[in-house]
Amino acid sequence: IFNLFKYEKFDAIHVHDLPLSKIGAEVKRKYNLPLIIDLHENWPALLKYASHTQTIIGRLISSNEQWIRYEKKMLHEADLIITIVEEARDRIASLGIETQKLCIVSNTADTESIPDYKRKRTDNDFILFYGGGINRHRGLQVVFEAIKMLEDRNIKIRLQIAGSGSYKETLEKQAVSLGIESNVLFFGQKPFNEMLKLLAEADAAIIPHLRTENNDASSPNKLYQYMYLKIPVISSDCISLKRIIGETDAGFVYRNDSPADLASLLEKLYCDRQLLEEKGLNGRKAVLSKYNWNSDKERLV
């Protein structure tokens, strides 16, 4: 990065997420530039629940207390801090950061470039879609248990998963052990447009994230993609997700760690699919009016 300054002049340095913020602070001091730290995650909380930090070596190498101190120091060095949702902004403000240094830029959909796929299905199966990373804290294991409960009641839910991650093999084994492998289809990582085509065929889409300090203040891309394609959202009760779904009336919320709660909700929707259409239309309306990239990029600029 320092080598670039031999050939170019820059007005600011913009760092994505916490780990490289130290480099940004060094550039700020050396070249007297404003520093922007763009936080997509609560990094200390993310590492606190990550599988690799739960091992003995992981706990020795990655001290959560050190990350908390590092975050606070870096945020005080920043001239501007970008967060993704109100809950994340409020957490950072609670660290003693001046509110005038905080700006919210969410992971909203770019409605000018995202394809608007229409549903073409003719069958009556109930398809539930998940798109994104596959890690333990994403909570898909809870969805599997709910599907098993419904299977035992002769209610068949087909779960289609587009994405990859470290927890995929564990989930594949869980599906076999529960006897629901025919209900679950792993598509693997898909190009964006192919993922959207799969999404458009679903009756509902799910964000099953477990409640953690990081997930309670998240703004996942998939939320706004689901809403834009008029797919009703079924979400766990992570605080920011619950707030947005309640505000927009774009879907339904269940308790994040309760397969029984999710199974009851899915059974209700399976039996009364008219409930889904209205929620999907509400989601589309909310994206077009507020939760879109045209609104967020104005704040970023």
Protein backbone atom coordinates (compact mmCIF):
# COMPACT_ATOMS: atom_id res chain seq x y z
CA ILE A 1 0.00 0.00 0.00
CA PHE A 2 2.81 2.41 0.85
CA ASN A 3 4.37 1.62 -2.54
CA LEU A 4 1.23 2.88 -4.30
CA PHE A 5 1.88 6.34 -2.88
CA LYS A 6 5.05 6.56 -4.96
CA TYR A 7 2.93 6.65 -8.09
CA GLU A 8 -0.50 7.95 -7.12
CA LYS A 9 -2.18 10.50 -4.87
CA PHE A 10 -5.19 9.54 -2.77
CA ASP A 11 -7.85 11.54 -0.93
CA ALA A 12 -8.68 8.95 1.73
CA ILE A 13 -8.19 5.34 2.76
CA HIS A 14 -11.27 3.13 3.07
CA VAL A 15 -10.76 -0.15 4.95
CA HIS A 16 -13.25 -3.01 4.88
CA ASP A 17 -13.70 -4.66 8.27
CA LEU A 18 -11.58 -4.62 11.35
CA PRO A 19 -8.46 -6.77 10.70
CA LEU A 20 -6.73 -4.38 8.27
CA SER A 21 -7.76 -1.22 10.11
CA LYS A 22 -4.28 -1.02 11.64
CA ILE A 23 -2.82 -0.65 8.15
CA GLY A 24 -5.33 2.10 7.44
CA ALA A 25 -4.33 3.92 10.60
CA GLU A 26 -0.64 3.75 9.60
CA VAL A 27 -1.48 5.24 6.20
CA LYS A 28 -3.57 7.95 7.85
CA ARG A 29 -0.70 9.01 10.11
CA LYS A 30 2.02 8.86 7.46
CA TYR A 31 0.11 10.68 4.69
CA ASN A 32 -2.32 12.75 6.77
CA LEU A 33 -5.39 11.20 5.12
CA PRO A 34 -8.86 10.66 6.50
CA LEU A 35 -9.52 7.06 7.51
CA ILE A 36 -12.84 5.34 6.80
CA ILE A 37 -13.46 2.00 8.54
CA ASP A 38 -16.31 0.04 6.96
CA LEU A 39 -17.65 -2.59 9.38
CA HIS A 40 -19.76 -5.34 7.86
CA GLU A 41 -19.33 -7.47 10.97
CA ASN A 42 -18.96 -7.17 14.72
CA TRP A 43 -15.53 -8.77 14.36
CA PRO A 44 -14.85 -9.63 18.02
CA ALA A 45 -18.29 -11.25 18.30
CA LEU A 46 -17.85 -13.07 14.98
CA LEU A 47 -14.59 -14.62 16.17
CA LYS A 48 -16.05 -15.39 19.59
CA TYR A 49 -18.46 -17.87 17.98
CA ALA A 50 -16.29 -19.06 15.08
CA SER A 51 -15.45 -22.77 15.12
CA HIS A 52 -11.69 -22.25 14.65
CA THR A 53 -11.44 -20.09 17.79
CA GLN A 54 -13.06 -22.76 19.97
CA THR A 55 -10.03 -25.06 19.79
CA ILE A 56 -7.19 -24.85 22.34
CA ILE A 57 -4.83 -23.36 19.75
CA GLY A 58 -7.57 -21.00 18.54
CA ARG A 59 -8.18 -19.66 22.04
CA LEU A 60 -4.45 -19.11 22.55
CA ILE A 61 -3.94 -17.32 19.23
CA SER A 62 -7.19 -15.34 19.06
CA SER A 63 -7.90 -13.66 22.39
CA ASN A 64 -11.36 -12.10 22.33
CA GLU A 65 -10.32 -9.47 24.87
CA GLN A 66 -7.48 -8.38 22.57
CA TRP A 67 -9.89 -8.04 19.63
CA ILE A 68 -12.25 -5.94 21.75
CA ARG A 69 -9.42 -3.59 22.75
CA TYR A 70 -8.10 -3.46 19.17
CA GLU A 71 -11.55 -2.59 17.79
CA LYS A 72 -12.04 0.26 20.26
CA LYS A 73 -8.59 1.69 19.52
CA MET A 74 -9.08 1.55 15.74
CA LEU A 75 -12.55 3.08 15.85
CA HIS A 76 -11.23 6.04 17.84
CA GLU A 77 -8.59 6.52 15.11
CA ALA A 78 -11.18 6.57 12.31
CA ASP A 79 -12.59 9.77 10.83
CA LEU A 80 -15.71 7.98 9.59
CA ILE A 81 -17.18 4.59 10.51
CA ILE A 82 -19.66 2.88 8.23
CA THR A 83 -22.02 0.32 9.73
CA ILE A 84 -24.74 -1.75 8.10
CA VAL A 85 -27.75 -1.37 10.39
CA GLU A 86 -29.07 0.71 13.27
CA GLU A 87 -28.27 -1.94 15.87
CA ALA A 88 -24.62 -2.01 14.76
CA ARG A 89 -24.43 1.78 14.88
CA ASP A 90 -25.80 1.84 18.41
CA ARG A 91 -23.30 -0.77 19.58
CA ILE A 92 -20.39 1.26 18.24
CA ALA A 93 -21.75 4.45 19.77
CA SER A 94 -21.83 2.63 23.13
CA LEU A 95 -18.02 2.26 22.86
CA GLY A 96 -17.68 6.03 23.25
CA ILE A 97 -17.53 6.84 19.53
CA GLU A 98 -19.00 10.19 18.52
CA THR A 99 -22.30 9.71 16.67
CA GLN A 100 -21.32 12.25 13.99
CA LYS A 101 -18.60 9.81 12.89
CA LEU A 102 -21.16 7.04 12.22
CA CYS A 103 -22.98 6.34 8.98
CA ILE A 104 -25.30 3.46 8.02
CA VAL A 105 -24.88 1.87 4.59
CA SER A 106 -26.80 -1.39 4.37
CA ASN A 107 -26.29 -4.45 2.16
CA THR A 108 -29.37 -3.59 0.11
CA ALA A 109 -30.27 -4.74 -3.40
CA ASP A 110 -29.29 -2.79 -6.50
CA THR A 111 -32.70 -2.75 -8.16
CA GLU A 112 -31.24 -1.28 -11.36
CA SER A 113 -29.07 -4.32 -12.05
CA ILE A 114 -30.68 -7.28 -10.26
CA PRO A 115 -32.73 -9.46 -12.65
CA ASP A 116 -36.44 -9.64 -11.89
CA TYR A 117 -37.19 -13.33 -12.33
CA LYS A 118 -40.78 -14.54 -12.27
CA ARG A 119 -42.03 -17.85 -10.85
CA LYS A 120 -42.65 -20.54 -13.49
CA ARG A 121 -43.43 -23.57 -11.31
CA THR A 122 -46.59 -25.59 -11.84
CA ASP A 123 -46.24 -28.24 -9.10
CA ASN A 124 -47.75 -27.87 -5.64
CA ASP A 125 -44.71 -28.82 -3.57
CA PHE A 126 -43.66 -26.46 -0.79
CA ILE A 127 -40.14 -25.23 -1.54
CA LEU A 128 -38.11 -23.39 1.08
CA PHE A 129 -34.95 -21.66 -0.18
CA TYR A 130 -31.71 -20.71 1.57
CA GLY A 131 -28.89 -18.81 -0.14
CA GLY A 132 -25.57 -17.97 1.47
CA GLY A 133 -22.75 -19.30 3.58
CA ILE A 134 -23.03 -22.61 5.38
CA ASN A 135 -21.62 -22.30 8.89
CA ARG A 136 -22.89 -23.47 12.26
CA HIS A 137 -24.08 -20.01 13.31
CA ARG A 138 -26.25 -19.75 10.16
CA GLY A 139 -28.64 -22.15 11.90
CA LEU A 140 -29.54 -24.55 9.10
CA GLN A 141 -29.33 -27.45 11.56
CA VAL A 142 -32.44 -26.05 13.27
CA VAL A 143 -34.25 -26.02 9.91
CA PHE A 144 -33.34 -29.68 9.34
CA GLU A 145 -34.84 -30.65 12.69
CA ALA A 146 -38.04 -28.74 11.88
CA ILE A 147 -38.31 -30.50 8.50
CA LYS A 148 -37.97 -33.85 10.27
CA MET A 149 -40.80 -32.94 12.66
CA LEU A 150 -43.02 -32.07 9.71
CA GLU A 151 -42.04 -35.22 7.83
CA ASP A 152 -43.27 -37.20 10.81
CA ARG A 153 -46.63 -35.41 10.40
CA ASN A 154 -46.72 -36.29 6.66
CA ILE A 155 -45.96 -32.67 5.68
CA LYS A 156 -43.20 -32.54 3.11
CA ILE A 157 -41.04 -29.43 2.90
CA ARG A 158 -38.33 -29.31 0.24
CA LEU A 159 -35.32 -27.25 1.29
CA GLN A 160 -33.05 -25.99 -1.49
CA ILE A 161 -29.67 -24.63 -0.43
CA ALA A 162 -27.43 -22.53 -2.70
CA GLY A 163 -24.06 -21.87 -1.10
CA SER A 164 -21.06 -23.49 0.48
CA GLY A 165 -19.13 -23.43 3.73
CA SER A 166 -17.33 -25.33 6.42
CA TYR A 167 -20.51 -26.79 7.94
CA LYS A 168 -21.87 -28.39 4.76
CA GLU A 169 -20.50 -31.89 5.43
CA THR A 170 -21.93 -31.87 8.96
CA LEU A 171 -25.34 -30.88 7.58
CA GLU A 172 -25.22 -33.60 4.92
CA LYS A 173 -24.60 -36.18 7.65
CA GLN A 174 -27.41 -34.69 9.76
CA ALA A 175 -29.85 -34.98 6.84
CA VAL A 176 -28.99 -38.68 6.49
CA SER A 177 -29.25 -39.35 10.22
CA LEU A 178 -32.66 -37.64 10.34
CA GLY A 179 -33.84 -39.52 7.25
CA ILE A 180 -34.65 -36.31 5.34
CA GLU A 181 -31.94 -36.43 2.67
CA SER A 182 -34.63 -36.62 -0.04
CA ASN A 183 -36.11 -33.35 1.30
CA VAL A 184 -32.84 -31.40 1.16
CA LEU A 185 -30.96 -30.44 -1.98
CA PHE A 186 -27.50 -28.84 -1.87
CA PHE A 187 -26.79 -26.91 -5.08
CA GLY A 188 -23.37 -25.70 -3.96
CA GLN A 189 -22.06 -22.25 -4.84
CA LYS A 190 -24.00 -20.79 -7.75
CA PRO A 191 -23.44 -17.71 -9.94
CA PHE A 192 -25.63 -14.86 -8.72
CA ASN A 193 -28.21 -15.02 -11.53
CA GLU A 194 -28.57 -18.80 -11.21
CA MET A 195 -29.11 -18.40 -7.48
CA LEU A 196 -31.85 -15.84 -8.16
CA LYS A 197 -33.59 -18.23 -10.59
CA LEU A 198 -33.70 -20.87 -7.86
CA LEU A 199 -34.98 -18.30 -5.39
CA ALA A 200 -37.77 -17.23 -7.73
CA GLU A 201 -39.15 -20.78 -7.74
CA ALA A 202 -39.52 -20.93 -3.95
CA ASP A 203 -42.67 -20.55 -1.87
CA ALA A 204 -40.66 -18.89 0.90
CA ALA A 205 -37.03 -18.18 1.76
CA ILE A 206 -35.35 -18.53 5.12
CA ILE A 207 -32.73 -16.70 7.17
CA PRO A 208 -32.19 -19.13 10.06
CA HIS A 209 -29.27 -17.38 11.77
CA LEU A 210 -28.67 -18.25 15.39
CA ARG A 211 -28.78 -15.31 17.75
CA THR A 212 -25.28 -14.02 18.49
CA GLU A 213 -23.97 -10.52 19.17
CA ASN A 214 -22.95 -10.34 15.51
CA ASN A 215 -26.14 -11.79 14.01
CA ASP A 216 -28.31 -9.56 16.22
CA ALA A 217 -26.93 -6.56 14.33
CA SER A 218 -26.70 -7.94 10.80
CA SER A 219 -28.07 -6.84 7.44
CA PRO A 220 -27.63 -9.85 5.12
CA ASN A 221 -27.81 -9.33 1.36
CA LYS A 222 -30.18 -12.28 1.09
CA LEU A 223 -32.89 -10.46 3.06
CA TYR A 224 -33.28 -7.76 0.42
CA GLN A 225 -32.83 -10.20 -2.48
CA TYR A 226 -35.66 -12.33 -1.10
CA MET A 227 -37.85 -9.29 -0.65
CA TYR A 228 -37.14 -7.84 -4.10
CA LEU A 229 -38.24 -11.05 -5.83
CA LYS A 230 -41.48 -11.03 -3.78
CA ILE A 231 -40.47 -14.13 -1.84
CA PRO A 232 -41.83 -14.03 1.73
CA VAL A 233 -39.09 -14.18 4.35
CA ILE A 234 -39.02 -16.65 7.22
CA SER A 235 -36.44 -15.41 9.71
CA SER A 236 -35.09 -16.24 13.10
CA ASP A 237 -35.57 -13.63 15.80
CA CYS A 238 -32.17 -11.92 15.51
CA ILE A 239 -32.86 -8.36 16.62
CA SER A 240 -32.19 -6.43 13.40
CA LEU A 241 -33.92 -9.03 11.21
CA LYS A 242 -36.96 -9.12 13.47
CA ARG A 243 -37.17 -5.33 13.41
CA ILE A 244 -36.97 -5.03 9.61
CA ILE A 245 -39.46 -7.84 8.96
CA GLY A 246 -41.84 -6.34 11.53
CA GLU A 247 -41.49 -2.88 9.99
CA THR A 248 -42.04 -4.06 6.39
CA ASP A 249 -44.47 -6.93 7.11
CA ALA A 250 -42.46 -8.94 4.60
CA GLY A 251 -42.52 -12.28 6.37
CA PHE A 252 -42.56 -14.28 9.57
CA VAL A 253 -40.30 -14.70 12.59
CA TYR A 254 -39.62 -17.75 14.76
CA ARG A 255 -37.43 -18.39 17.79
CA ASN A 256 -33.92 -19.02 16.52
CA ASP A 257 -33.14 -22.10 18.61
CA SER A 258 -36.57 -23.77 18.42
CA PRO A 259 -37.19 -26.37 15.69
CA ALA A 260 -40.69 -26.83 17.12
CA ASP A 261 -41.50 -23.12 16.71
CA LEU A 262 -40.26 -23.18 13.12
CA ALA A 263 -42.13 -26.41 12.37
CA SER A 264 -45.39 -24.90 13.65
CA LEU A 265 -44.89 -21.84 11.46
CA LEU A 266 -44.06 -23.90 8.38
CA GLU A 267 -47.10 -26.13 8.94
CA LYS A 268 -49.33 -23.06 9.10
CA LEU A 269 -47.88 -21.68 5.86
CA TYR A 270 -48.03 -25.06 4.17
CA CYS A 271 -51.76 -25.25 4.90
CA ASP A 272 -52.57 -21.60 4.08
CA ARG A 273 -50.36 -20.38 1.24
CA GLN A 274 -52.48 -17.30 0.70
CA LEU A 275 -50.60 -15.84 3.68
CA LEU A 276 -47.40 -15.93 1.65
CA GLU A 277 -48.43 -13.83 -1.34
CA GLU A 278 -49.26 -10.70 0.64
CA LYS A 279 -45.95 -10.84 2.55
CA GLY A 280 -44.02 -11.16 -0.72
CA LEU A 281 -45.71 -8.08 -2.17
CA ASN A 282 -44.97 -6.14 1.02
CA GLY A 283 -41.29 -7.05 0.74
CA ARG A 284 -41.08 -5.88 -2.86
CA LYS A 285 -42.74 -2.59 -1.95
CA ALA A 286 -40.31 -2.02 0.93
CA VAL A 287 -37.27 -2.60 -1.28
CA LEU A 288 -38.51 -0.26 -4.00
CA SER A 289 -39.36 2.49 -1.53
CA LYS A 290 -36.54 2.25 1.05
CA TYR A 291 -34.28 -0.79 1.23
CA ASN A 292 -32.44 -0.35 -2.07
CA TRP A 293 -28.93 0.60 -3.12
CA ASN A 294 -29.97 3.94 -4.61
CA SER A 295 -30.89 5.09 -1.10
CA ASP A 296 -27.79 3.63 0.56
CA LYS A 297 -25.27 4.89 -1.98
CA GLU A 298 -26.42 8.46 -1.35
CA ARG A 299 -25.44 8.07 2.29
CA LEU A 300 -22.13 6.49 1.29
CA VAL A 301 -21.28 9.39 -1.04
